[in-house]
Structure formats: structure tokens, C-alpha cells
Amino acid sequence: MSELLQFSLGNRLKPKGNIQTMGIIGCGSVGQVIARIAAQYGMDVIFLDLTEKRLKEIYHDIEEQLDEVIAHWGITSSEKKLIMSRITGTTKYNDLKDCDLVIETISSRQKGTLINLRKELFKKVEKVVRKDTIISSDLSTLIISDLAVVLKNPGRAIGMHFIEPIDKANIVEVVKGRETTDETYDKVTRFLRMIGKKAVQINESPGNVSTRILIPLINEACEILMEGVATISDIDETMKETTGYIYGPFEIADKIGLDKILKYMDNLYQEYGDKKYKASPIIKRLVRNHYLGVQTQKGFYNYEGNKPVSNTISCAIIN
């Protein structure tokens, strides 16, 4: 081995048990923020999506997110270049072979939990990664044990739910399956500490803690709105002032995406049969009109970039 190769900065020593390279499957809004945060904390990120065109769109979206951070003096342009240099896109599963952790974060407007699709992804990942690679899913209304059954080594599977807004929430719900090993859990909690997050261990339950509390809150806010008790902005302001929440129920619904909120509601209602999870007519009406929140610039609020500017159009649809 030459001296140059021996002391190459590119050949970093990898501390045993640490997660240095992570893979993300389905790099939508959630996957992009996870990729950006992990890369910002010095990790290499490989994200997998369907087409080369989609990869370019994802690169562009992540760059725009970083530009917004720069605009608020969060990072410098040089730091942005360094972060982007750690993020690689691919359409091939085999490129995930050296990852220490792979997280599935697929998003779809199809109804249901997409459990069969997620199972197929788990099988494809296990075929190409190392035996000690952790395979995870960003679970909200599904449980990890239902996915882990397709793995030859189900002990490597663990659920992680990154709570919205991901770049501001300090905790991640970590869900051990029936066969998840303590080693897998310990590695994941170390990984989360490395990216500035705290792990909260959750026993398997569709909706975990955050989604099961959030959905009835949004439904009740919709009920108050339909009764004419208060306006969208006044309901949000009241909740923020009285609870200390960063966002009100309508603001967070718009940020998560009203199509995703509707899916959560349908999945939880199907699971538990409790009326508190049944989707509000307002949510259904907005989704039908393609008012999906920040992603379409129209939801409960109208948006310029990521900032709400009014709610007049949404109110016209609601009434």
C-alpha cells in the first residue's frame, strides 16, 4: 500500500458500530430533510428513487432547502457545497450495498399503508446490503413487525418516525419490533444522537404517540372551524399561545400535506374504528380540490414559498 493511499483522507477509519453511511429509499419531502440533516452532521447519504429525472428534482429541492437555511444565516455557501457533496442519488438498489442503515420513506397518494410495496422494498434491500446493515421505515400508521416478517434476519428491522417539522422537532419515535435486537436499537439511538435527535422508545401501535394525538387535534380544529367558532388563523394562534406548540393544527397539517393527513386518518380509523380518527369533511374537500398544503401552495392557507400569506381561497372552498 502506498503512503498516499495509507494516509488518504478519503479512506476514513470507520468506528465499529457507528453509522457513517445511510441510504434513503423514496426521497420525498421527509427523505429530503433526513438526507440534508444527516449530511450536515457529516454522514454520507445515498438516496434511491425511481428515475434520473426524479433524482435531479430531489437534488434541486434539497439545494433550495439549503438556500433557505443560508438566507436565515444558518449555514454558509461553503457549508452548503460540503453538505451536497455528501449526498448521492441512484436508481439502483446495489448502490446501497455499503450502507450501515437504510430507511424507507416512500410517499404515495394511494390509499392504505402500502404494506405489500414496503415489504418488497425490504426484501430488495436485504439482498444487497451487509448482514449487519439496519433496515428501517419511517412509520406513522404501520408497525415494523408487519414488514420485518419478509426478512431473513428480522432482528435488524426497526421503526423510526421522524416527527414533523423534522428540522425543528428534537425527538424521533423509535419502535422495536417483536424481534428487533438490542444491538439494532442501540445503533439507531447512537445514530440519532449523532444528528442531534433524541430517541423515544415506543411500543408497537399504529400511529405511535404523535400521530394518534395529532389527528384528533386536527379533526377537532376542523369541527370548531365548521361551527364558526373561530377563524383558521385564530384557532392556530390560540393553540400556539396556550400550548407552546411551534405550529397550530392547520399550519402543521399544511406542512405535513393534507393528502398525507387524510391517509393517516383513514388508516387509523380503519385500525381502531374510533370516530375521533374519522376524516373531517373539510380535509376531504380540500384534498379533492388538490389543496394539499405547502406542496401545492394552497391548503388551509395560501403560500408564497413556505410562508402562509392568507387563507381566503381555502375558506371559500370550506364554506
C-alpha atoms as a PDB file:
ATOM      1  CA  MET A   1       0.000   0.000   0.000  1.00  0.00           C
ATOM      2  CA  SER A   2       1.446   3.380  -0.939  1.00  0.00           C
ATOM      3  CA  GLU A   3       1.888   6.070   1.679  1.00  0.00           C
ATOM      4  CA  LEU A   4      -0.566   8.312  -0.148  1.00  0.00           C
ATOM      5  CA  LEU A   5      -3.262   5.639  -0.038  1.00  0.00           C
ATOM      6  CA  GLN A   6      -2.431   4.709   3.532  1.00  0.00           C
ATOM      7  CA  PHE A   7      -2.922   8.261   4.767  1.00  0.00           C
ATOM      8  CA  SER A   8      -5.660   9.286   2.326  1.00  0.00           C
ATOM      9  CA  LEU A   9      -8.312  11.494   3.878  1.00  0.00           C
ATOM     10  CA  GLY A  10     -10.856   9.831   1.640  1.00  0.00           C
ATOM     11  CA  ASN A  11     -10.304   6.495   3.355  1.00  0.00           C
ATOM     12  CA  ARG A  12     -11.684   7.367   6.765  1.00  0.00           C
ATOM     13  CA  LEU A  13     -11.430   4.893   9.594  1.00  0.00           C
ATOM     14  CA  LYS A  14     -14.927   3.766  10.381  1.00  0.00           C
ATOM     15  CA  PRO A  15     -15.621   3.359  14.117  1.00  0.00           C
ATOM     16  CA  LYS A  16     -17.158  -0.046  14.706  1.00  0.00           C
ATOM     17  CA  GLY A  17     -20.878   0.115  15.421  1.00  0.00           C
ATOM     18  CA  ASN A  18     -21.252   3.711  14.217  1.00  0.00           C
ATOM     19  CA  ILE A  19     -23.453   4.668  11.290  1.00  0.00           C
ATOM     20  CA  GLN A  20     -21.423   6.620   8.755  1.00  0.00           C
ATOM     21  CA  THR A  21     -23.281   5.902   5.513  1.00  0.00           C
ATOM     22  CA  MET A  22     -27.061   5.828   5.281  1.00  0.00           C
ATOM     23  CA  GLY A  23     -29.442   5.016   2.476  1.00  0.00           C
ATOM     24  CA  ILE A  24     -32.873   6.556   1.913  1.00  0.00           C
ATOM     25  CA  ILE A  25     -35.484   4.917  -0.305  1.00  0.00           C
ATOM     26  CA  GLY A  26     -38.118   7.236  -1.738  1.00  0.00           C
ATOM     27  CA  CYS A  27     -36.681  10.692  -1.186  1.00  0.00           C
ATOM     28  CA  GLY A  28     -39.818  12.817  -0.946  1.00  0.00           C
ATOM     29  CA  SER A  29     -40.291  15.692   1.489  1.00  0.00           C
ATOM     30  CA  VAL A  30     -39.464  13.565   4.558  1.00  0.00           C
ATOM     31  CA  GLY A  31     -36.496  11.778   2.973  1.00  0.00           C
ATOM     32  CA  GLN A  32     -35.030  15.051   1.734  1.00  0.00           C
ATOM     33  CA  VAL A  33     -34.965  16.633   5.184  1.00  0.00           C
ATOM     34  CA  ILE A  34     -33.452  13.477   6.721  1.00  0.00           C
ATOM     35  CA  ALA A  35     -30.804  13.414   3.967  1.00  0.00           C
ATOM     36  CA  ARG A  36     -29.987  17.072   4.473  1.00  0.00           C
ATOM     37  CA  ILE A  37     -29.682  16.792   8.264  1.00  0.00           C
ATOM     38  CA  ALA A  38     -27.566  13.603   8.130  1.00  0.00           C
ATOM     39  CA  ALA A  39     -25.215  15.138   5.552  1.00  0.00           C
ATOM     40  CA  GLN A  40     -24.995  18.324   7.602  1.00  0.00           C
ATOM     41  CA  TYR A  41     -23.749  16.214  10.531  1.00  0.00           C
ATOM     42  CA  GLY A  42     -21.040  14.639   8.381  1.00  0.00           C
ATOM     43  CA  MET A  43     -22.657  11.431   7.131  1.00  0.00           C
ATOM     44  CA  ASP A  44     -22.630  10.139   3.589  1.00  0.00           C
ATOM     45  CA  VAL A  45     -26.143   9.739   2.197  1.00  0.00           C
ATOM     46  CA  ILE A  46     -27.264   7.661  -0.787  1.00  0.00           C
ATOM     47  CA  PHE A  47     -30.868   8.182  -1.786  1.00  0.00           C
ATOM     48  CA  LEU A  48     -32.743   5.912  -4.171  1.00  0.00           C
ATOM     49  CA  ASP A  49     -35.677   6.955  -6.314  1.00  0.00           C
ATOM     50  CA  LEU A  50     -37.411   5.851  -9.498  1.00  0.00           C
ATOM     51  CA  THR A  51     -35.902   7.837 -12.386  1.00  0.00           C
ATOM     52  CA  GLU A  52     -32.932  10.041 -13.292  1.00  0.00           C
ATOM     53  CA  LYS A  53     -35.373  12.913 -13.772  1.00  0.00           C
ATOM     54  CA  ARG A  54     -36.652  12.409 -10.239  1.00  0.00           C
ATOM     55  CA  LEU A  55     -33.086  12.371  -8.892  1.00  0.00           C
ATOM     56  CA  LYS A  56     -32.436  15.791 -10.452  1.00  0.00           C
ATOM     57  CA  GLU A  57     -35.650  17.150  -8.919  1.00  0.00           C
ATOM     58  CA  ILE A  58     -34.585  15.887  -5.485  1.00  0.00           C
ATOM     59  CA  TYR A  59     -31.124  17.469  -5.779  1.00  0.00           C
ATOM     60  CA  HIS A  60     -32.814  20.739  -6.754  1.00  0.00           C
ATOM     61  CA  ASP A  61     -35.268  20.560  -3.821  1.00  0.00           C
ATOM     62  CA  ILE A  62     -32.503  19.889  -1.285  1.00  0.00           C
ATOM     63  CA  GLU A  63     -30.431  22.765  -2.696  1.00  0.00           C
ATOM     64  CA  GLU A  64     -33.438  25.083  -2.346  1.00  0.00           C
ATOM     65  CA  GLN A  65     -33.891  23.991   1.279  1.00  0.00           C
ATOM     66  CA  LEU A  66     -30.241  24.741   1.977  1.00  0.00           C
ATOM     67  CA  ASP A  67     -30.527  28.130   0.259  1.00  0.00           C
ATOM     68  CA  GLU A  68     -33.337  28.976   2.655  1.00  0.00           C
ATOM     69  CA  VAL A  69     -31.131  27.975   5.600  1.00  0.00           C
ATOM     70  CA  ILE A  70     -28.370  30.215   4.192  1.00  0.00           C
ATOM     71  CA  ALA A  71     -30.868  33.091   3.897  1.00  0.00           C
ATOM     72  CA  HIS A  72     -31.519  32.777   7.642  1.00  0.00           C
ATOM     73  CA  TRP A  73     -27.765  32.695   8.431  1.00  0.00           C
ATOM     74  CA  GLY A  74     -27.931  29.012   9.385  1.00  0.00           C
ATOM     75  CA  ILE A  75     -25.016  27.893   7.197  1.00  0.00           C
ATOM     76  CA  THR A  76     -22.597  29.370   4.678  1.00  0.00           C
ATOM     77  CA  SER A  77     -22.387  28.726   0.932  1.00  0.00           C
ATOM     78  CA  SER A  78     -19.212  26.697   1.502  1.00  0.00           C
ATOM     79  CA  GLU A  79     -21.021  24.518   4.035  1.00  0.00           C
ATOM     80  CA  LYS A  80     -23.831  24.008   1.530  1.00  0.00           C
ATOM     81  CA  LYS A  81     -21.333  22.702  -1.036  1.00  0.00           C
ATOM     82  CA  LEU A  82     -19.880  20.327   1.547  1.00  0.00           C
ATOM     83  CA  ILE A  83     -23.349  19.028   2.502  1.00  0.00           C
ATOM     84  CA  MET A  84     -24.342  18.478  -1.130  1.00  0.00           C
ATOM     85  CA  SER A  85     -21.042  16.651  -1.797  1.00  0.00           C
ATOM     86  CA  ARG A  86     -22.066  14.035   0.772  1.00  0.00           C
ATOM     87  CA  ILE A  87     -25.439  13.329  -0.908  1.00  0.00           C
ATOM     88  CA  THR A  88     -25.625  10.922  -3.862  1.00  0.00           C
ATOM     89  CA  GLY A  89     -28.677   9.832  -5.814  1.00  0.00           C
ATOM     90  CA  THR A  90     -29.213   6.498  -7.569  1.00  0.00           C
ATOM     91  CA  THR A  91     -31.882   4.370  -9.217  1.00  0.00           C
ATOM     92  CA  LYS A  92     -30.065   1.082  -8.432  1.00  0.00           C
ATOM     93  CA  TYR A  93     -30.514  -0.917  -5.236  1.00  0.00           C
ATOM     94  CA  ASN A  94     -26.997  -2.315  -5.496  1.00  0.00           C
ATOM     95  CA  ASP A  95     -25.602   1.165  -4.776  1.00  0.00           C
ATOM     96  CA  LEU A  96     -26.924   0.776  -1.210  1.00  0.00           C
ATOM     97  CA  LYS A  97     -24.603  -2.182  -0.533  1.00  0.00           C
ATOM     98  CA  ASP A  98     -22.189  -0.295   1.747  1.00  0.00           C
ATOM     99  CA  CYS A  99     -24.835   1.497   3.825  1.00  0.00           C
ATOM    100  CA  ASP A 100     -24.883   0.987   7.595  1.00  0.00           C
ATOM    101  CA  LEU A 101     -28.548   1.996   7.767  1.00  0.00           C
ATOM    102  CA  VAL A 102     -31.286   2.105   5.125  1.00  0.00           C
ATOM    103  CA  ILE A 103     -34.541   3.977   5.808  1.00  0.00           C
ATOM    104  CA  GLU A 104     -37.642   3.587   3.667  1.00  0.00           C
ATOM    105  CA  THR A 105     -39.505   6.912   3.415  1.00  0.00           C
ATOM    106  CA  ILE A 106     -41.726   6.342   0.381  1.00  0.00           C
ATOM    107  CA  SER A 107     -44.736   8.595  -0.047  1.00  0.00           C
ATOM    108  CA  SER A 108     -47.739   7.990  -2.249  1.00  0.00           C
ATOM    109  CA  ARG A 109     -51.242   9.330  -2.748  1.00  0.00           C
ATOM    110  CA  GLN A 110     -52.544   5.782  -2.932  1.00  0.00           C
ATOM    111  CA  LYS A 111     -54.866   4.763  -0.116  1.00  0.00           C
ATOM    112  CA  GLY A 112     -53.768   2.438   2.672  1.00  0.00           C
ATOM    113  CA  THR A 113     -50.420   1.680   4.278  1.00  0.00           C
ATOM    114  CA  LEU A 114     -48.778   0.296   1.097  1.00  0.00           C
ATOM    115  CA  ILE A 115     -47.662  -2.652   3.204  1.00  0.00           C
ATOM    116  CA  ASN A 116     -47.040  -5.005   0.254  1.00  0.00           C
ATOM    117  CA  LEU A 117     -44.911  -2.423  -1.559  1.00  0.00           C
ATOM    118  CA  ARG A 118     -42.919  -1.760   1.612  1.00  0.00           C
ATOM    119  CA  LYS A 119     -42.357  -5.500   2.108  1.00  0.00           C
ATOM    120  CA  GLU A 120     -40.967  -5.769  -1.412  1.00  0.00           C
ATOM    121  CA  LEU A 121     -38.603  -2.873  -0.724  1.00  0.00           C
ATOM    122  CA  PHE A 122     -37.374  -4.557   2.459  1.00  0.00           C
ATOM    123  CA  LYS A 123     -36.629  -7.774   0.560  1.00  0.00           C
ATOM    124  CA  LYS A 124     -34.770  -5.895  -2.190  1.00  0.00           C
ATOM    125  CA  VAL A 125     -32.677  -4.026   0.353  1.00  0.00           C
ATOM    126  CA  GLU A 126     -31.747  -7.152   2.308  1.00  0.00           C
ATOM    127  CA  LYS A 127     -30.478  -8.823  -0.871  1.00  0.00           C
ATOM    128  CA  VAL A 128     -27.818  -6.158  -1.459  1.00  0.00           C
ATOM    129  CA  VAL A 129     -26.724  -4.877   1.971  1.00  0.00           C
ATOM    130  CA  ARG A 130     -24.369  -6.371   4.557  1.00  0.00           C
ATOM    131  CA  LYS A 131     -25.589  -8.712   7.277  1.00  0.00           C
ATOM    132  CA  ASP A 132     -25.182  -6.023   9.925  1.00  0.00           C
ATOM    133  CA  THR A 133     -26.992  -3.263   7.999  1.00  0.00           C
ATOM    134  CA  ILE A 134     -30.075  -1.920   9.787  1.00  0.00           C
ATOM    135  CA  ILE A 135     -33.264  -1.757   7.721  1.00  0.00           C
ATOM    136  CA  SER A 136     -35.837   0.769   8.862  1.00  0.00           C
ATOM    137  CA  SER A 137     -39.039   2.521   7.861  1.00  0.00           C
ATOM    138  CA  ASP A 138     -40.405   5.955   8.720  1.00  0.00           C
ATOM    139  CA  LEU A 139     -43.581   4.525  10.251  1.00  0.00           C
ATOM    140  CA  SER A 140     -46.646   6.513  11.218  1.00  0.00           C
ATOM    141  CA  THR A 141     -49.678   4.200  10.978  1.00  0.00           C
ATOM    142  CA  LEU A 142     -47.981   0.841  10.347  1.00  0.00           C
ATOM    143  CA  ILE A 143     -45.974  -1.413  12.680  1.00  0.00           C
ATOM    144  CA  ILE A 144     -42.458  -2.616  11.933  1.00  0.00           C
ATOM    145  CA  SER A 145     -43.128  -6.291  12.766  1.00  0.00           C
ATOM    146  CA  ASP A 146     -45.542  -6.475   9.808  1.00  0.00           C
ATOM    147  CA  LEU A 147     -42.663  -5.510   7.495  1.00  0.00           C
ATOM    148  CA  ALA A 148     -39.896  -7.456   9.235  1.00  0.00           C
ATOM    149  CA  VAL A 149     -41.604 -10.822   8.546  1.00  0.00           C
ATOM    150  CA  VAL A 150     -40.178 -10.822   4.994  1.00  0.00           C
ATOM    151  CA  LEU A 151     -36.567 -10.504   6.196  1.00  0.00           C
ATOM    152  CA  LYS A 152     -34.228 -13.440   6.723  1.00  0.00           C
ATOM    153  CA  ASN A 153     -32.899 -11.517   9.726  1.00  0.00           C
ATOM    154  CA  PRO A 154     -35.884  -9.640  11.242  1.00  0.00           C
ATOM    155  CA  GLY A 155     -33.733  -8.590  14.205  1.00  0.00           C
ATOM    156  CA  ARG A 156     -32.151  -5.889  12.014  1.00  0.00           C
ATOM    157  CA  ALA A 157     -35.516  -4.164  11.396  1.00  0.00           C
ATOM    158  CA  ILE A 158     -36.641  -1.172  13.449  1.00  0.00           C
ATOM    159  CA  GLY A 159     -39.183   1.598  13.011  1.00  0.00           C
ATOM    160  CA  MET A 160     -38.259   5.283  13.116  1.00  0.00           C
ATOM    161  CA  HIS A 161     -40.853   8.029  12.904  1.00  0.00           C
ATOM    162  CA  PHE A 162     -39.343  11.443  12.258  1.00  0.00           C
ATOM    163  CA  ILE A 163     -41.866  13.919  13.634  1.00  0.00           C
ATOM    164  CA  GLU A 164     -42.826  16.959  11.558  1.00  0.00           C
ATOM    165  CA  PRO A 165     -41.377  19.540  11.290  1.00  0.00           C
ATOM    166  CA  ILE A 166     -38.313  17.277  11.161  1.00  0.00           C
ATOM    167  CA  ASP A 167     -35.729  20.063  11.186  1.00  0.00           C
ATOM    168  CA  LYS A 168     -37.258  21.569  14.350  1.00  0.00           C
ATOM    169  CA  ALA A 169     -38.539  18.550  16.323  1.00  0.00           C
ATOM    170  CA  ASN A 170     -35.833  17.207  18.622  1.00  0.00           C
ATOM    171  CA  ILE A 171     -37.249  13.700  19.080  1.00  0.00           C
ATOM    172  CA  VAL A 172     -37.746  10.646  16.889  1.00  0.00           C
ATOM    173  CA  GLU A 173     -40.145   7.833  17.797  1.00  0.00           C
ATOM    174  CA  VAL A 174     -38.155   4.577  17.692  1.00  0.00           C
ATOM    175  CA  VAL A 175     -40.233   1.396  17.508  1.00  0.00           C
ATOM    176  CA  LYS A 176     -38.768  -2.021  18.337  1.00  0.00           C
ATOM    177  CA  GLY A 177     -40.476  -4.905  16.575  1.00  0.00           C
ATOM    178  CA  ARG A 178     -41.097  -8.309  18.104  1.00  0.00           C
ATOM    179  CA  GLU A 179     -37.640  -9.480  17.009  1.00  0.00           C
ATOM    180  CA  THR A 180     -35.638  -6.252  16.916  1.00  0.00           C
ATOM    181  CA  THR A 181     -32.330  -6.829  18.693  1.00  0.00           C
ATOM    182  CA  ASP A 182     -30.945  -4.614  21.428  1.00  0.00           C
ATOM    183  CA  GLU A 183     -27.883  -4.080  19.234  1.00  0.00           C
ATOM    184  CA  THR A 184     -30.057  -2.664  16.454  1.00  0.00           C
ATOM    185  CA  TYR A 185     -31.831  -0.347  18.891  1.00  0.00           C
ATOM    186  CA  ASP A 186     -28.551   0.841  20.429  1.00  0.00           C
ATOM    187  CA  LYS A 187     -27.049   1.611  16.999  1.00  0.00           C
ATOM    188  CA  VAL A 188     -30.108   3.595  15.966  1.00  0.00           C
ATOM    189  CA  THR A 189     -30.177   5.632  19.175  1.00  0.00           C
ATOM    190  CA  ARG A 190     -26.475   6.447  18.680  1.00  0.00           C
ATOM    191  CA  PHE A 191     -27.208   7.476  15.093  1.00  0.00           C
ATOM    192  CA  LEU A 192     -29.983   9.798  16.258  1.00  0.00           C
ATOM    193  CA  ARG A 193     -27.718  11.392  18.857  1.00  0.00           C
ATOM    194  CA  MET A 194     -25.154  11.945  16.089  1.00  0.00           C
ATOM    195  CA  ILE A 195     -27.710  14.014  14.118  1.00  0.00           C
ATOM    196  CA  GLY A 196     -28.925  15.970  17.132  1.00  0.00           C
ATOM    197  CA  LYS A 197     -32.080  13.958  17.858  1.00  0.00           C
ATOM    198  CA  LYS A 198     -33.317  12.132  20.948  1.00  0.00           C
ATOM    199  CA  ALA A 199     -34.828   8.644  20.627  1.00  0.00           C
ATOM    200  CA  VAL A 200     -38.141   7.996  22.353  1.00  0.00           C
ATOM    201  CA  GLN A 201     -38.814   4.263  22.573  1.00  0.00           C
ATOM    202  CA  ILE A 202     -42.341   3.354  21.512  1.00  0.00           C
ATOM    203  CA  ASN A 203     -44.139   0.038  21.882  1.00  0.00           C
ATOM    204  CA  GLU A 204     -45.702  -1.086  18.602  1.00  0.00           C
ATOM    205  CA  SER A 205     -49.021   0.642  17.972  1.00  0.00           C
ATOM    206  CA  PRO A 206     -50.334   2.097  14.696  1.00  0.00           C
ATOM    207  CA  GLY A 207     -49.968   5.860  14.961  1.00  0.00           C
ATOM    208  CA  ASN A 208     -47.322   5.655  17.710  1.00  0.00           C
ATOM    209  CA  VAL A 209     -47.819   8.603  20.088  1.00  0.00           C
ATOM    210  CA  SER A 210     -47.510  11.709  17.922  1.00  0.00           C
ATOM    211  CA  THR A 211     -49.872  10.747  15.090  1.00  0.00           C
ATOM    212  CA  ARG A 212     -52.557   9.376  17.424  1.00  0.00           C
ATOM    213  CA  ILE A 213     -52.614  12.686  19.301  1.00  0.00           C
ATOM    214  CA  LEU A 214     -52.213  14.939  16.259  1.00  0.00           C
ATOM    215  CA  ILE A 215     -55.069  13.502  14.161  1.00  0.00           C
ATOM    216  CA  PRO A 216     -57.876  14.083  16.727  1.00  0.00           C
ATOM    217  CA  LEU A 217     -56.439  17.580  17.327  1.00  0.00           C
ATOM    218  CA  ILE A 218     -56.706  18.454  13.624  1.00  0.00           C
ATOM    219  CA  ASN A 219     -60.188  16.933  13.419  1.00  0.00           C
ATOM    220  CA  GLU A 220     -61.377  18.966  16.422  1.00  0.00           C
ATOM    221  CA  ALA A 221     -59.890  22.141  14.931  1.00  0.00           C
ATOM    222  CA  CYS A 222     -61.867  21.431  11.737  1.00  0.00           C
ATOM    223  CA  GLU A 223     -65.035  20.919  13.802  1.00  0.00           C
ATOM    224  CA  ILE A 224     -64.523  24.264  15.563  1.00  0.00           C
ATOM    225  CA  LEU A 225     -63.977  25.919  12.166  1.00  0.00           C
ATOM    226  CA  MET A 226     -67.149  24.384  10.682  1.00  0.00           C
ATOM    227  CA  GLU A 227     -69.178  25.575  13.683  1.00  0.00           C
ATOM    228  CA  GLY A 228     -67.973  29.125  13.022  1.00  0.00           C
ATOM    229  CA  VAL A 229     -66.446  29.454  16.478  1.00  0.00           C
ATOM    230  CA  ALA A 230     -63.186  30.979  15.195  1.00  0.00           C
ATOM    231  CA  THR A 231     -61.165  31.516  12.030  1.00  0.00           C
ATOM    232  CA  ILE A 232     -58.306  29.321  10.809  1.00  0.00           C
ATOM    233  CA  SER A 233     -55.633  31.781  11.909  1.00  0.00           C
ATOM    234  CA  ASP A 234     -57.278  32.464  15.291  1.00  0.00           C
ATOM    235  CA  ILE A 235     -57.538  28.734  16.073  1.00  0.00           C
ATOM    236  CA  ASP A 236     -53.861  28.278  15.188  1.00  0.00           C
ATOM    237  CA  GLU A 237     -52.821  31.317  17.212  1.00  0.00           C
ATOM    238  CA  THR A 238     -54.814  30.170  20.238  1.00  0.00           C
ATOM    239  CA  MET A 239     -53.213  26.715  20.209  1.00  0.00           C
ATOM    240  CA  LYS A 240     -49.704  28.116  19.845  1.00  0.00           C
ATOM    241  CA  GLU A 241     -50.131  30.628  22.659  1.00  0.00           C
ATOM    242  CA  THR A 242     -51.799  28.212  25.092  1.00  0.00           C
ATOM    243  CA  THR A 243     -49.666  25.121  24.470  1.00  0.00           C
ATOM    244  CA  GLY A 244     -46.290  26.411  23.304  1.00  0.00           C
ATOM    245  CA  TYR A 245     -46.593  24.479  20.018  1.00  0.00           C
ATOM    246  CA  ILE A 246     -44.424  25.779  17.176  1.00  0.00           C
ATOM    247  CA  TYR A 247     -47.357  25.484  14.761  1.00  0.00           C
ATOM    248  CA  GLY A 248     -51.124  25.425  15.103  1.00  0.00           C
ATOM    249  CA  PRO A 249     -53.181  22.408  13.901  1.00  0.00           C
ATOM    250  CA  PHE A 250     -53.921  23.902  10.469  1.00  0.00           C
ATOM    251  CA  GLU A 251     -50.328  25.039   9.931  1.00  0.00           C
ATOM    252  CA  ILE A 252     -48.881  21.632  10.774  1.00  0.00           C
ATOM    253  CA  ALA A 253     -51.500  19.884   8.610  1.00  0.00           C
ATOM    254  CA  ASP A 254     -50.452  22.053   5.653  1.00  0.00           C
ATOM    255  CA  LYS A 255     -46.770  21.331   6.302  1.00  0.00           C
ATOM    256  CA  ILE A 256     -47.248  17.565   6.529  1.00  0.00           C
ATOM    257  CA  GLY A 257     -49.557  17.600   3.487  1.00  0.00           C
ATOM    258  CA  LEU A 258     -53.347  17.275   3.614  1.00  0.00           C
ATOM    259  CA  ASP A 259     -53.261  14.195   1.379  1.00  0.00           C
ATOM    260  CA  LYS A 260     -50.938  12.545   3.900  1.00  0.00           C
ATOM    261  CA  ILE A 261     -53.117  13.682   6.816  1.00  0.00           C
ATOM    262  CA  LEU A 262     -56.159  12.143   5.083  1.00  0.00           C
ATOM    263  CA  LYS A 263     -54.265   8.855   4.712  1.00  0.00           C
ATOM    264  CA  TYR A 264     -53.340   8.892   8.395  1.00  0.00           C
ATOM    265  CA  MET A 265     -56.970   9.484   9.306  1.00  0.00           C
ATOM    266  CA  ASP A 266     -58.265   6.707   7.060  1.00  0.00           C
ATOM    267  CA  ASN A 267     -55.619   4.235   8.285  1.00  0.00           C
ATOM    268  CA  LEU A 268     -56.202   4.962  11.978  1.00  0.00           C
ATOM    269  CA  TYR A 269     -59.989   4.879  11.591  1.00  0.00           C
ATOM    270  CA  GLN A 270     -59.711   1.523   9.829  1.00  0.00           C
ATOM    271  CA  GLU A 271     -57.389   0.233  12.563  1.00  0.00           C
ATOM    272  CA  TYR A 272     -59.275   1.450  15.645  1.00  0.00           C
ATOM    273  CA  GLY A 273     -62.806   2.233  14.419  1.00  0.00           C
ATOM    274  CA  ASP A 274     -62.881   5.290  16.684  1.00  0.00           C
ATOM    275  CA  LYS A 275     -64.807   8.347  15.456  1.00  0.00           C
ATOM    276  CA  LYS A 276     -62.047  10.695  16.660  1.00  0.00           C
ATOM    277  CA  TYR A 277     -59.894   9.432  13.771  1.00  0.00           C
ATOM    278  CA  LYS A 278     -62.598   9.723  11.080  1.00  0.00           C
ATOM    279  CA  ALA A 279     -61.563  12.266   8.461  1.00  0.00           C
ATOM    280  CA  SER A 280     -63.237  15.666   8.676  1.00  0.00           C
ATOM    281  CA  PRO A 281     -65.296  16.675   5.594  1.00  0.00           C
ATOM    282  CA  ILE A 282     -63.087  19.778   5.327  1.00  0.00           C
ATOM    283  CA  ILE A 283     -59.956  17.677   4.881  1.00  0.00           C
ATOM    284  CA  LYS A 284     -61.669  15.557   2.219  1.00  0.00           C
ATOM    285  CA  ARG A 285     -62.931  18.631   0.377  1.00  0.00           C
ATOM    286  CA  LEU A 286     -59.540  20.307   0.299  1.00  0.00           C
ATOM    287  CA  VAL A 287     -57.796  17.152  -0.930  1.00  0.00           C
ATOM    288  CA  ARG A 288     -60.392  16.666  -3.692  1.00  0.00           C
ATOM    289  CA  ASN A 289     -59.680  20.224  -4.856  1.00  0.00           C
ATOM    290  CA  HIS A 290     -55.927  19.489  -4.751  1.00  0.00           C
ATOM    291  CA  TYR A 291     -55.401  21.934  -1.912  1.00  0.00           C
ATOM    292  CA  LEU A 292     -52.685  19.847  -0.253  1.00  0.00           C
ATOM    293  CA  GLY A 293     -50.852  22.484   1.769  1.00  0.00           C
ATOM    294  CA  VAL A 294     -47.329  23.843   1.321  1.00  0.00           C
ATOM    295  CA  GLN A 295     -46.514  21.415  -1.506  1.00  0.00           C
ATOM    296  CA  THR A 296     -49.226  22.910  -3.771  1.00  0.00           C
ATOM    297  CA  GLN A 297     -49.003  26.423  -2.238  1.00  0.00           C
ATOM    298  CA  LYS A 298     -52.681  26.077  -1.252  1.00  0.00           C
ATOM    299  CA  GLY A 299     -54.214  24.340   1.740  1.00  0.00           C
ATOM    300  CA  PHE A 300     -55.823  25.847   4.801  1.00  0.00           C
ATOM    301  CA  TYR A 301     -53.545  28.771   3.952  1.00  0.00           C
ATOM    302  CA  ASN A 302     -52.230  30.190   0.684  1.00  0.00           C
ATOM    303  CA  TYR A 303     -48.445  30.240   0.473  1.00  0.00           C
ATOM    304  CA  GLU A 304     -45.602  32.176  -1.060  1.00  0.00           C
ATOM    305  CA  GLY A 305     -42.685  29.773  -0.795  1.00  0.00           C
ATOM    306  CA  ASN A 306     -43.067  28.154   2.625  1.00  0.00           C
ATOM    307  CA  LYS A 307     -44.751  31.156   4.239  1.00  0.00           C
ATOM    308  CA  PRO A 308     -48.540  31.399   4.739  1.00  0.00           C
ATOM    309  CA  VAL A 309     -49.880  34.693   3.399  1.00  0.00           C
ATOM    310  CA  SER A 310     -53.676  34.308   3.646  1.00  0.00           C
ATOM    311  CA  ASN A 311     -56.475  31.773   3.958  1.00  0.00           C
ATOM    312  CA  THR A 312     -59.199  33.391   1.826  1.00  0.00           C
ATOM    313  CA  ILE A 313     -59.214  30.816  -1.008  1.00  0.00           C
ATOM    314  CA  SER A 314     -59.357  27.897   1.393  1.00  0.00           C
ATOM    315  CA  CYS A 315     -62.212  29.500   3.308  1.00  0.00           C
ATOM    316  CA  ALA A 316     -64.174  29.827   0.061  1.00  0.00           C
ATOM    317  CA  ILE A 317     -63.829  26.090  -0.543  1.00  0.00           C
ATOM    318  CA  ILE A 318     -64.646  25.179   3.072  1.00  0.00           C
ATOM    319  CA  ASN A 319     -67.843  27.214   3.048  1.00  0.00           C
END
